[in-house]
Amino acid sequence: MRRVRLSGATSVSDLAGQLGVSPSTIRRDLEVLDRDGTLRRVRGGACADADADADLPFAEVAALDEQDKEAVAVRAAQLVRDGDVILLDIGTTTMRLARRLRGRRVTVITSSLAVFDVLRSDPATELLLLGGLVRRTYHSLVGVLTEEALRQVCADRVFLGTSGVRPDGQLVDSTLAEVPVKRAMIAAAGQVVLLADRHKFPGTGALRVCGPEDVDVIVTNEGADETTLRNCAATGAEVLLA
C-alpha cells in the first residue's frame, strides 16, 4: 500500500519486481485491498484514490529503501562544489543529501522543511527557505508564493526528486501541488540532477514533470531498470550509479 501511495498508480509487474513476489500474489493482495476500499484496482495494477501521500507520514516514506537512498545522497554530494548555489527539492533523498552538506560552504535554497531542519543550525551553510503554503504531512512548501520566489532564483544546479521515471524517460509525480514547484526549480537552475533510487526505474505517476531531455544528470543505484536508463541517456543525460 505504501508503494501505491508513493507513486499514485502502479502496475502488477512493478509491484512484483519491487517486492520480490509473483504477479499472482500481487493480484490477490490488490483484490483484497480493493474490497477493503484501501485502493482502487484497475486493469494491470492499482491506484490510490486520493493524493498519494496525503495520509502517508514523511517518516514512513523515509524508512523505505533507506540504504538505496543513502547511497544516492552520498554520490550526489560529490557533485557539489564549495561556493555552489543549489536548489534542493522536497523528498526523503534530498533530506539525506542535506545531511551530507553540513559544514560545506554552499548556499542551499529549498522548499523542504525537512532540509531546513537539517541545515538550520549549520553556520557554514547559507540557507534560504522559499515561502508558500505548508503541506504538513510531507514537510514541504507549495503554491504561488513558492513559484514566484523561484522566479527570483538563479542556482548552479537543482537536485530534483520524483515519484518515478517512466520507461520512455518521462519524469512523473503523484502530487498536483508539487509539480509546478518542480518545474519552477528546473527553470531556475543551470543544471538539473535527478535523485532517484533504483525502485523508481521504471516508476509511475499521474502527472508529467518534464521529459528526459530536461535532465542533465541522473544519480541512482545498480539494479535500476536498464531500458529506462538507456532511454534517458539517449537524450543526453549522464547516469551515475551509487
C-alpha atoms as a PDB file:
ATOM      1  CA  MET A   1       0.000   0.000   0.000  1.00  0.00           C
ATOM      2  CA  ARG A   2       2.892   2.373   0.716  1.00  0.00           C
ATOM      3  CA  ARG A   3       4.255   1.712  -2.779  1.00  0.00           C
ATOM      4  CA  VAL A   4       0.923   2.558  -4.393  1.00  0.00           C
ATOM      5  CA  ARG A   5       0.502   5.716  -2.324  1.00  0.00           C
ATOM      6  CA  LEU A   6       4.015   6.889  -3.159  1.00  0.00           C
ATOM      7  CA  SER A   7       3.521   6.539  -6.904  1.00  0.00           C
ATOM      8  CA  GLY A   8      -0.193   7.336  -7.110  1.00  0.00           C
ATOM      9  CA  ALA A   9      -0.617   4.420  -9.515  1.00  0.00           C
ATOM     10  CA  THR A  10       1.457   1.349 -10.261  1.00  0.00           C
ATOM     11  CA  SER A  11       1.334  -1.907 -12.181  1.00  0.00           C
ATOM     12  CA  VAL A  12       1.235  -5.511 -11.033  1.00  0.00           C
ATOM     13  CA  SER A  13       4.605  -6.192 -12.679  1.00  0.00           C
ATOM     14  CA  ASP A  14       6.248  -3.184 -10.989  1.00  0.00           C
ATOM     15  CA  LEU A  15       4.986  -4.233  -7.568  1.00  0.00           C
ATOM     16  CA  ALA A  16       6.033  -7.851  -8.120  1.00  0.00           C
ATOM     17  CA  GLY A  17       9.547  -6.755  -9.057  1.00  0.00           C
ATOM     18  CA  GLN A  18       9.901  -4.271  -6.208  1.00  0.00           C
ATOM     19  CA  LEU A  19       8.618  -6.650  -3.533  1.00  0.00           C
ATOM     20  CA  GLY A  20      10.164  -9.866  -4.855  1.00  0.00           C
ATOM     21  CA  VAL A  21       6.942 -11.864  -5.152  1.00  0.00           C
ATOM     22  CA  SER A  22       4.934 -13.346  -8.009  1.00  0.00           C
ATOM     23  CA  PRO A  23       2.416 -11.304 -10.038  1.00  0.00           C
ATOM     24  CA  SER A  24      -0.344 -13.684  -8.918  1.00  0.00           C
ATOM     25  CA  THR A  25       0.402 -12.864  -5.273  1.00  0.00           C
ATOM     26  CA  ILE A  26       0.206  -9.141  -6.055  1.00  0.00           C
ATOM     27  CA  ARG A  27      -3.107  -9.589  -7.901  1.00  0.00           C
ATOM     28  CA  ARG A  28      -4.669 -11.400  -4.950  1.00  0.00           C
ATOM     29  CA  ASP A  29      -3.462  -8.755  -2.494  1.00  0.00           C
ATOM     30  CA  LEU A  30      -4.731  -5.908  -4.685  1.00  0.00           C
ATOM     31  CA  GLU A  31      -8.142  -7.536  -4.893  1.00  0.00           C
ATOM     32  CA  VAL A  32      -8.323  -7.731  -1.087  1.00  0.00           C
ATOM     33  CA  LEU A  33      -7.239  -4.092  -0.702  1.00  0.00           C
ATOM     34  CA  ASP A  34      -9.747  -3.014  -3.337  1.00  0.00           C
ATOM     35  CA  ARG A  35     -12.589  -4.776  -1.488  1.00  0.00           C
ATOM     36  CA  ASP A  36     -11.476  -3.067   1.728  1.00  0.00           C
ATOM     37  CA  GLY A  37     -11.605   0.312  -0.014  1.00  0.00           C
ATOM     38  CA  THR A  38      -7.902   0.933   0.672  1.00  0.00           C
ATOM     39  CA  LEU A  39      -7.056   1.416  -3.006  1.00  0.00           C
ATOM     40  CA  ARG A  40      -8.710   1.174  -6.400  1.00  0.00           C
ATOM     41  CA  ARG A  41      -7.997  -1.843  -8.599  1.00  0.00           C
ATOM     42  CA  VAL A  42      -7.539  -1.009 -12.274  1.00  0.00           C
ATOM     43  CA  ARG A  43      -6.592  -3.106 -15.278  1.00  0.00           C
ATOM     44  CA  GLY A  44      -2.989  -4.200 -14.884  1.00  0.00           C
ATOM     45  CA  GLY A  45      -2.447  -2.616 -11.471  1.00  0.00           C
ATOM     46  CA  ALA A  46      -3.906  -0.267  -8.881  1.00  0.00           C
ATOM     47  CA  CYS A  47      -4.105   3.406  -7.983  1.00  0.00           C
ATOM     48  CA  ALA A  48      -4.682   5.490  -4.886  1.00  0.00           C
ATOM     49  CA  ASP A  49      -7.964   7.379  -4.823  1.00  0.00           C
ATOM     50  CA  ALA A  50      -6.581  10.429  -3.032  1.00  0.00           C
ATOM     51  CA  ASP A  51      -3.396  12.471  -3.024  1.00  0.00           C
ATOM     52  CA  ALA A  52      -0.761   9.729  -2.981  1.00  0.00           C
ATOM     53  CA  ASP A  53       0.946  10.912   0.194  1.00  0.00           C
ATOM     54  CA  ALA A  54      -1.939  12.750   1.842  1.00  0.00           C
ATOM     55  CA  ASP A  55      -2.081  10.385   4.794  1.00  0.00           C
ATOM     56  CA  LEU A  56       1.387   8.824   4.494  1.00  0.00           C
ATOM     57  CA  PRO A  57       3.709  10.364   7.105  1.00  0.00           C
ATOM     58  CA  PHE A  58       7.083  11.681   5.943  1.00  0.00           C
ATOM     59  CA  ALA A  59       8.888   9.452   8.449  1.00  0.00           C
ATOM     60  CA  GLU A  60       7.206   6.377   6.978  1.00  0.00           C
ATOM     61  CA  VAL A  61       8.344   7.323   3.472  1.00  0.00           C
ATOM     62  CA  ALA A  62      11.871   7.992   4.762  1.00  0.00           C
ATOM     63  CA  ALA A  63      12.054   4.453   6.169  1.00  0.00           C
ATOM     64  CA  LEU A  64      11.528   2.867   2.744  1.00  0.00           C
ATOM     65  CA  ASP A  65      14.650   1.740   0.841  1.00  0.00           C
ATOM     66  CA  GLU A  66      16.949   3.566   3.259  1.00  0.00           C
ATOM     67  CA  GLN A  67      20.214   2.077   2.039  1.00  0.00           C
ATOM     68  CA  ASP A  68      19.493   2.884  -1.600  1.00  0.00           C
ATOM     69  CA  LYS A  69      18.508   6.462  -0.778  1.00  0.00           C
ATOM     70  CA  GLU A  70      21.587   6.969   1.380  1.00  0.00           C
ATOM     71  CA  ALA A  71      23.881   5.705  -1.376  1.00  0.00           C
ATOM     72  CA  VAL A  72      22.283   8.115  -3.866  1.00  0.00           C
ATOM     73  CA  ALA A  73      22.716  11.014  -1.423  1.00  0.00           C
ATOM     74  CA  VAL A  74      26.394  10.214  -0.836  1.00  0.00           C
ATOM     75  CA  ARG A  75      27.082  10.111  -4.594  1.00  0.00           C
ATOM     76  CA  ALA A  76      25.122  13.312  -5.197  1.00  0.00           C
ATOM     77  CA  ALA A  77      27.085  15.187  -2.532  1.00  0.00           C
ATOM     78  CA  GLN A  78      30.223  14.587  -4.578  1.00  0.00           C
ATOM     79  CA  LEU A  79      28.757  16.776  -7.336  1.00  0.00           C
ATOM     80  CA  VAL A  80      28.565  19.823  -5.043  1.00  0.00           C
ATOM     81  CA  ARG A  81      31.494  22.243  -5.044  1.00  0.00           C
ATOM     82  CA  ASP A  82      32.312  24.811  -2.393  1.00  0.00           C
ATOM     83  CA  GLY A  83      30.654  28.107  -3.284  1.00  0.00           C
ATOM     84  CA  ASP A  84      27.818  26.490  -5.228  1.00  0.00           C
ATOM     85  CA  VAL A  85      24.269  27.801  -5.092  1.00  0.00           C
ATOM     86  CA  ILE A  86      21.990  24.771  -5.134  1.00  0.00           C
ATOM     87  CA  LEU A  87      18.269  24.105  -5.055  1.00  0.00           C
ATOM     88  CA  LEU A  88      17.054  21.138  -3.035  1.00  0.00           C
ATOM     89  CA  ASP A  89      13.660  19.730  -3.920  1.00  0.00           C
ATOM     90  CA  ILE A  90      11.379  18.083  -1.370  1.00  0.00           C
ATOM     91  CA  GLY A  91      11.763  14.412  -0.552  1.00  0.00           C
ATOM     92  CA  THR A  92      13.483  11.960   1.720  1.00  0.00           C
ATOM     93  CA  THR A  93      16.565  11.559  -0.503  1.00  0.00           C
ATOM     94  CA  THR A  94      17.194  15.302  -0.724  1.00  0.00           C
ATOM     95  CA  MET A  95      16.918  15.403   3.066  1.00  0.00           C
ATOM     96  CA  ARG A  96      19.703  12.825   3.212  1.00  0.00           C
ATOM     97  CA  LEU A  97      21.750  14.905   0.772  1.00  0.00           C
ATOM     98  CA  ALA A  98      21.298  17.935   3.038  1.00  0.00           C
ATOM     99  CA  ARG A  99      22.882  15.955   5.881  1.00  0.00           C
ATOM    100  CA  ARG A 100      25.907  15.377   3.665  1.00  0.00           C
ATOM    101  CA  LEU A 101      26.215  19.123   3.041  1.00  0.00           C
ATOM    102  CA  ARG A 102      26.511  20.159   6.674  1.00  0.00           C
ATOM    103  CA  GLY A 103      29.741  22.035   7.203  1.00  0.00           C
ATOM    104  CA  ARG A 104      30.087  22.862   3.492  1.00  0.00           C
ATOM    105  CA  ARG A 105      30.466  26.434   2.223  1.00  0.00           C
ATOM    106  CA  VAL A 106      27.443  26.348  -0.055  1.00  0.00           C
ATOM    107  CA  THR A 107      24.161  28.193  -0.462  1.00  0.00           C
ATOM    108  CA  VAL A 108      21.092  25.972  -0.228  1.00  0.00           C
ATOM    109  CA  ILE A 109      17.681  27.157  -1.423  1.00  0.00           C
ATOM    110  CA  THR A 110      14.781  24.839  -0.644  1.00  0.00           C
ATOM    111  CA  SER A 111      11.033  24.347  -0.316  1.00  0.00           C
ATOM    112  CA  SER A 112      11.605  21.402   2.009  1.00  0.00           C
ATOM    113  CA  LEU A 113      11.044  21.874   5.724  1.00  0.00           C
ATOM    114  CA  ALA A 114      12.943  18.617   6.271  1.00  0.00           C
ATOM    115  CA  VAL A 115      16.007  20.105   4.561  1.00  0.00           C
ATOM    116  CA  PHE A 116      15.517  23.291   6.582  1.00  0.00           C
ATOM    117  CA  ASP A 117      15.508  21.285   9.816  1.00  0.00           C
ATOM    118  CA  VAL A 118      18.748  19.538   8.833  1.00  0.00           C
ATOM    119  CA  LEU A 119      20.640  22.744   7.985  1.00  0.00           C
ATOM    120  CA  ARG A 120      19.030  25.391  10.206  1.00  0.00           C
ATOM    121  CA  SER A 121      21.778  25.263  12.861  1.00  0.00           C
ATOM    122  CA  ASP A 122      24.734  24.838  10.491  1.00  0.00           C
ATOM    123  CA  PRO A 123      26.774  28.079  10.473  1.00  0.00           C
ATOM    124  CA  ALA A 124      28.736  27.074   7.355  1.00  0.00           C
ATOM    125  CA  THR A 125      25.715  26.819   5.063  1.00  0.00           C
ATOM    126  CA  GLU A 126      23.846  29.828   3.710  1.00  0.00           C
ATOM    127  CA  LEU A 127      20.214  28.710   3.889  1.00  0.00           C
ATOM    128  CA  LEU A 128      17.284  30.265   2.015  1.00  0.00           C
ATOM    129  CA  LEU A 129      13.789  28.940   2.675  1.00  0.00           C
ATOM    130  CA  LEU A 130      11.183  29.549  -0.007  1.00  0.00           C
ATOM    131  CA  GLY A 131       7.782  30.752   1.184  1.00  0.00           C
ATOM    132  CA  GLY A 132       4.431  29.180   0.486  1.00  0.00           C
ATOM    133  CA  LEU A 133       1.618  27.027   1.777  1.00  0.00           C
ATOM    134  CA  VAL A 134       2.771  24.353   4.232  1.00  0.00           C
ATOM    135  CA  ARG A 135       1.966  20.731   3.351  1.00  0.00           C
ATOM    136  CA  ARG A 136       2.451  19.389   6.844  1.00  0.00           C
ATOM    137  CA  THR A 137       2.329  15.685   6.045  1.00  0.00           C
ATOM    138  CA  TYR A 138       5.161  15.934   3.531  1.00  0.00           C
ATOM    139  CA  HIS A 139       7.111  18.783   5.154  1.00  0.00           C
ATOM    140  CA  SER A 140       7.017  20.972   2.053  1.00  0.00           C
ATOM    141  CA  LEU A 141       6.060  24.442   0.855  1.00  0.00           C
ATOM    142  CA  VAL A 142       3.920  24.809  -2.261  1.00  0.00           C
ATOM    143  CA  GLY A 143       1.755  27.288  -4.126  1.00  0.00           C
ATOM    144  CA  VAL A 144       2.011  30.588  -5.963  1.00  0.00           C
ATOM    145  CA  LEU A 145       4.276  32.189  -3.351  1.00  0.00           C
ATOM    146  CA  THR A 146       6.781  29.358  -3.721  1.00  0.00           C
ATOM    147  CA  GLU A 147       6.673  29.551  -7.512  1.00  0.00           C
ATOM    148  CA  GLU A 148       7.007  33.347  -7.520  1.00  0.00           C
ATOM    149  CA  ALA A 149      10.031  33.202  -5.203  1.00  0.00           C
ATOM    150  CA  LEU A 150      11.726  30.734  -7.548  1.00  0.00           C
ATOM    151  CA  ARG A 151      11.474  33.254 -10.378  1.00  0.00           C
ATOM    152  CA  GLN A 152      13.995  35.353  -8.442  1.00  0.00           C
ATOM    153  CA  VAL A 153      16.455  32.457  -8.098  1.00  0.00           C
ATOM    154  CA  CYS A 154      19.494  31.672 -10.239  1.00  0.00           C
ATOM    155  CA  ALA A 155      21.082  28.433  -9.000  1.00  0.00           C
ATOM    156  CA  ASP A 156      24.035  26.432 -10.258  1.00  0.00           C
ATOM    157  CA  ARG A 157      22.077  23.190 -10.032  1.00  0.00           C
ATOM    158  CA  VAL A 158      18.903  21.663  -8.685  1.00  0.00           C
ATOM    159  CA  PHE A 159      18.713  18.257  -7.031  1.00  0.00           C
ATOM    160  CA  LEU A 160      15.286  17.024  -8.002  1.00  0.00           C
ATOM    161  CA  GLY A 161      13.148  14.233  -6.579  1.00  0.00           C
ATOM    162  CA  THR A 162      10.435  12.289  -8.389  1.00  0.00           C
ATOM    163  CA  SER A 163       7.713   9.708  -7.856  1.00  0.00           C
ATOM    164  CA  GLY A 164       9.140   7.747 -10.744  1.00  0.00           C
ATOM    165  CA  VAL A 165      10.595   7.688 -14.237  1.00  0.00           C
ATOM    166  CA  ARG A 166       8.526   6.092 -16.965  1.00  0.00           C
ATOM    167  CA  PRO A 167      10.190   3.629 -19.369  1.00  0.00           C
ATOM    168  CA  ASP A 168      10.405   6.358 -22.025  1.00  0.00           C
ATOM    169  CA  GLY A 169      12.293   8.637 -19.599  1.00  0.00           C
ATOM    170  CA  GLN A 170       9.429  10.959 -18.647  1.00  0.00           C
ATOM    171  CA  LEU A 171       9.660  12.220 -15.056  1.00  0.00           C
ATOM    172  CA  VAL A 172       6.326  11.899 -13.285  1.00  0.00           C
ATOM    173  CA  ASP A 173       4.877  12.803  -9.927  1.00  0.00           C
ATOM    174  CA  SER A 174       1.765  11.900  -7.985  1.00  0.00           C
ATOM    175  CA  THR A 175       1.025  15.189  -6.192  1.00  0.00           C
ATOM    176  CA  LEU A 176      -0.611  18.023  -8.101  1.00  0.00           C
ATOM    177  CA  ALA A 177       0.643  20.795  -5.805  1.00  0.00           C
ATOM    178  CA  GLU A 178       4.306  19.789  -6.144  1.00  0.00           C
ATOM    179  CA  VAL A 179       4.577  19.652  -9.947  1.00  0.00           C
ATOM    180  CA  PRO A 180       4.591  23.447 -10.620  1.00  0.00           C
ATOM    181  CA  VAL A 181       7.270  23.900  -7.937  1.00  0.00           C
ATOM    182  CA  LYS A 182       9.463  21.232  -9.517  1.00  0.00           C
ATOM    183  CA  ARG A 183       9.082  22.850 -12.935  1.00  0.00           C
ATOM    184  CA  ALA A 184       9.985  26.256 -11.479  1.00  0.00           C
ATOM    185  CA  MET A 185      13.091  24.744  -9.888  1.00  0.00           C
ATOM    186  CA  ILE A 186      14.151  23.275 -13.224  1.00  0.00           C
ATOM    187  CA  ALA A 187      13.760  26.692 -14.862  1.00  0.00           C
ATOM    188  CA  ALA A 188      15.811  28.368 -12.111  1.00  0.00           C
ATOM    189  CA  ALA A 189      18.844  26.068 -12.307  1.00  0.00           C
ATOM    190  CA  GLY A 190      21.775  25.790 -14.680  1.00  0.00           C
ATOM    191  CA  GLN A 191      21.963  22.032 -14.239  1.00  0.00           C
ATOM    192  CA  VAL A 192      19.258  19.505 -13.347  1.00  0.00           C
ATOM    193  CA  VAL A 193      20.323  16.499 -11.264  1.00  0.00           C
ATOM    194  CA  LEU A 194      17.711  13.819 -10.665  1.00  0.00           C
ATOM    195  CA  LEU A 195      17.968  11.832  -7.432  1.00  0.00           C
ATOM    196  CA  ALA A 196      16.009   8.600  -7.772  1.00  0.00           C
ATOM    197  CA  ASP A 197      16.751   5.253  -6.179  1.00  0.00           C
ATOM    198  CA  ARG A 198      16.546   2.097  -8.264  1.00  0.00           C
ATOM    199  CA  HIS A 199      12.937   1.374  -7.309  1.00  0.00           C
ATOM    200  CA  LYS A 200      11.802   4.375  -9.358  1.00  0.00           C
ATOM    201  CA  PHE A 201      13.113   2.946 -12.660  1.00  0.00           C
ATOM    202  CA  PRO A 202      10.620   2.474 -14.077  1.00  0.00           C
ATOM    203  CA  GLY A 203       8.087   4.205 -11.873  1.00  0.00           C
ATOM    204  CA  THR A 204       4.600   5.550 -12.168  1.00  0.00           C
ATOM    205  CA  GLY A 205       2.735   8.766 -11.503  1.00  0.00           C
ATOM    206  CA  ALA A 206      -0.241  10.546 -12.970  1.00  0.00           C
ATOM    207  CA  LEU A 207       1.409  13.909 -13.622  1.00  0.00           C
ATOM    208  CA  ARG A 208       4.245  14.764 -16.020  1.00  0.00           C
ATOM    209  CA  VAL A 209       7.025  16.931 -14.584  1.00  0.00           C
ATOM    210  CA  CYS A 210       9.425  17.054 -17.545  1.00  0.00           C
ATOM    211  CA  GLY A 211      11.000  14.991 -20.283  1.00  0.00           C
ATOM    212  CA  PRO A 212      14.359  13.213 -20.140  1.00  0.00           C
ATOM    213  CA  GLU A 213      15.839  15.942 -22.325  1.00  0.00           C
ATOM    214  CA  ASP A 214      15.435  18.372 -19.411  1.00  0.00           C
ATOM    215  CA  VAL A 215      17.659  16.305 -17.106  1.00  0.00           C
ATOM    216  CA  ASP A 216      21.444  16.635 -17.176  1.00  0.00           C
ATOM    217  CA  VAL A 217      22.493  14.045 -14.585  1.00  0.00           C
ATOM    218  CA  ILE A 218      20.743  11.037 -13.030  1.00  0.00           C
ATOM    219  CA  VAL A 219      22.004   9.587  -9.756  1.00  0.00           C
ATOM    220  CA  THR A 220      20.618   6.138  -8.973  1.00  0.00           C
ATOM    221  CA  ASN A 221      21.668   2.652  -7.859  1.00  0.00           C
ATOM    222  CA  GLU A 222      22.825  -0.536  -9.508  1.00  0.00           C
ATOM    223  CA  GLY A 223      19.717  -2.507 -10.357  1.00  0.00           C
ATOM    224  CA  ALA A 224      17.719   0.349 -11.858  1.00  0.00           C
ATOM    225  CA  ASP A 225      15.869  -0.733 -14.996  1.00  0.00           C
ATOM    226  CA  GLU A 226      18.414  -0.688 -17.811  1.00  0.00           C
ATOM    227  CA  THR A 227      15.960   0.095 -20.609  1.00  0.00           C
ATOM    228  CA  THR A 228      14.653   3.160 -18.789  1.00  0.00           C
ATOM    229  CA  LEU A 229      18.186   4.367 -18.081  1.00  0.00           C
ATOM    230  CA  ARG A 230      19.194   3.861 -21.718  1.00  0.00           C
ATOM    231  CA  ASN A 231      16.231   5.937 -22.894  1.00  0.00           C
ATOM    232  CA  CYS A 232      17.256   8.723 -20.508  1.00  0.00           C
ATOM    233  CA  ALA A 233      20.883   8.551 -21.610  1.00  0.00           C
ATOM    234  CA  ALA A 234      19.847   8.681 -25.265  1.00  0.00           C
ATOM    235  CA  THR A 235      18.639  12.259 -24.754  1.00  0.00           C
ATOM    236  CA  GLY A 236      21.961  13.334 -23.217  1.00  0.00           C
ATOM    237  CA  ALA A 237      21.554  12.631 -19.506  1.00  0.00           C
ATOM    238  CA  GLU A 238      24.648  11.388 -17.687  1.00  0.00           C
ATOM    239  CA  VAL A 239      23.858   8.373 -15.500  1.00  0.00           C
ATOM    240  CA  LEU A 240      25.831   7.979 -12.251  1.00  0.00           C
ATOM    241  CA  LEU A 241      25.443   4.778 -10.249  1.00  0.00           C
ATOM    242  CA  ALA A 242      25.842   4.963  -6.493  1.00  0.00           C
END
